[in-house]
Amino acid sequence: MQSISTVGLDIAKSVFQVHGVDAAGQVVIHRQLKRRFVLSFFEKLPPCLVGIEACALSHYRSRE
């Protein structure tokens, strides 16, 4: 993957939307992830800023 500096994560019940940009603001990745692939996706990323919508599930996901 190219160097992702910021990731936006839209959480839902079964399909998550991921939008990642580099330091210049260019879109690097935009995809849908099923729930079971979310953690493995983030394990492969270098450290970066992650924005998640504010709801009860986002607090749970951020702790994972």
Protein backbone atom coordinates (compact mmCIF):
# COMPACT_ATOMS: atom_id res chain seq x y z
CA MET A 1 0.00 0.00 0.00
CA GLN A 2 1.08 3.58 -0.54
CA SER A 3 1.75 5.75 2.49
CA ILE A 4 -1.63 6.36 4.12
CA SER A 5 -1.58 9.19 6.66
CA THR A 6 -5.29 9.46 7.52
CA VAL A 7 -8.10 6.90 7.42
CA GLY A 8 -11.81 7.56 7.76
CA LEU A 9 -13.91 4.61 8.90
CA ASP A 10 -17.69 4.53 8.56
CA ILE A 11 -18.93 1.72 10.75
CA ALA A 12 -22.10 -0.28 10.24
CA LYS A 13 -23.54 -3.64 11.19
CA SER A 14 -21.84 -5.77 8.56
CA VAL A 15 -20.12 -3.62 5.89
CA PHE A 16 -17.63 -0.89 6.76
CA GLN A 17 -16.48 1.91 4.43
CA VAL A 18 -12.77 2.80 4.49
CA HIS A 19 -11.36 5.99 2.95
CA GLY A 20 -7.61 6.61 3.20
CA VAL A 21 -5.58 9.60 2.03
CA ASP A 22 -1.86 10.38 1.92
CA ALA A 23 -0.14 13.45 3.38
CA ALA A 24 -1.02 15.50 0.28
CA GLY A 25 -4.73 14.65 0.58
CA GLN A 26 -4.81 12.35 -2.43
CA VAL A 27 -7.12 9.32 -2.13
CA VAL A 28 -5.05 6.18 -1.69
CA ILE A 29 -7.76 3.70 -0.79
CA HIS A 30 -11.55 3.65 -0.87
CA ARG A 31 -13.24 0.32 -0.26
CA GLN A 32 -15.84 -1.68 1.57
CA LEU A 33 -14.77 -4.17 4.22
CA LYS A 34 -16.85 -6.87 5.81
CA ARG A 35 -16.76 -6.94 9.60
CA ARG A 36 -14.43 -9.94 9.80
CA PHE A 37 -11.74 -8.22 7.68
CA VAL A 38 -11.58 -4.85 9.49
CA LEU A 39 -9.00 -5.75 12.14
CA SER A 40 -6.73 -7.59 9.70
CA PHE A 41 -6.87 -4.55 7.36
CA PHE A 42 -5.73 -2.17 10.11
CA GLU A 43 -3.04 -4.58 11.31
CA LYS A 44 -1.34 -4.24 7.91
CA LEU A 45 -1.35 -0.41 7.94
CA PRO A 46 1.51 1.68 9.28
CA PRO A 47 0.60 3.95 12.22
CA CYS A 48 -1.76 6.70 11.03
CA LEU A 49 -4.61 8.93 12.16
CA VAL A 50 -7.98 7.12 12.16
CA GLY A 51 -11.29 8.96 12.29
CA ILE A 52 -14.38 7.01 13.35
CA GLU A 53 -17.91 8.33 13.71
CA ALA A 54 -18.93 8.93 17.32
CA CYS A 55 -21.31 6.26 18.58
CA ALA A 56 -21.23 3.41 21.08
CA LEU A 57 -19.83 0.96 18.54
CA SER A 58 -16.97 3.32 17.64
CA HIS A 59 -15.74 3.27 21.24
CA TYR A 60 -15.75 -0.52 21.19
CA ARG A 61 -13.92 -0.65 17.83
CA SER A 62 -11.29 1.87 18.91
CA ARG A 63 -10.43 -0.29 21.92
CA GLU A 64 -9.95 -3.31 19.64
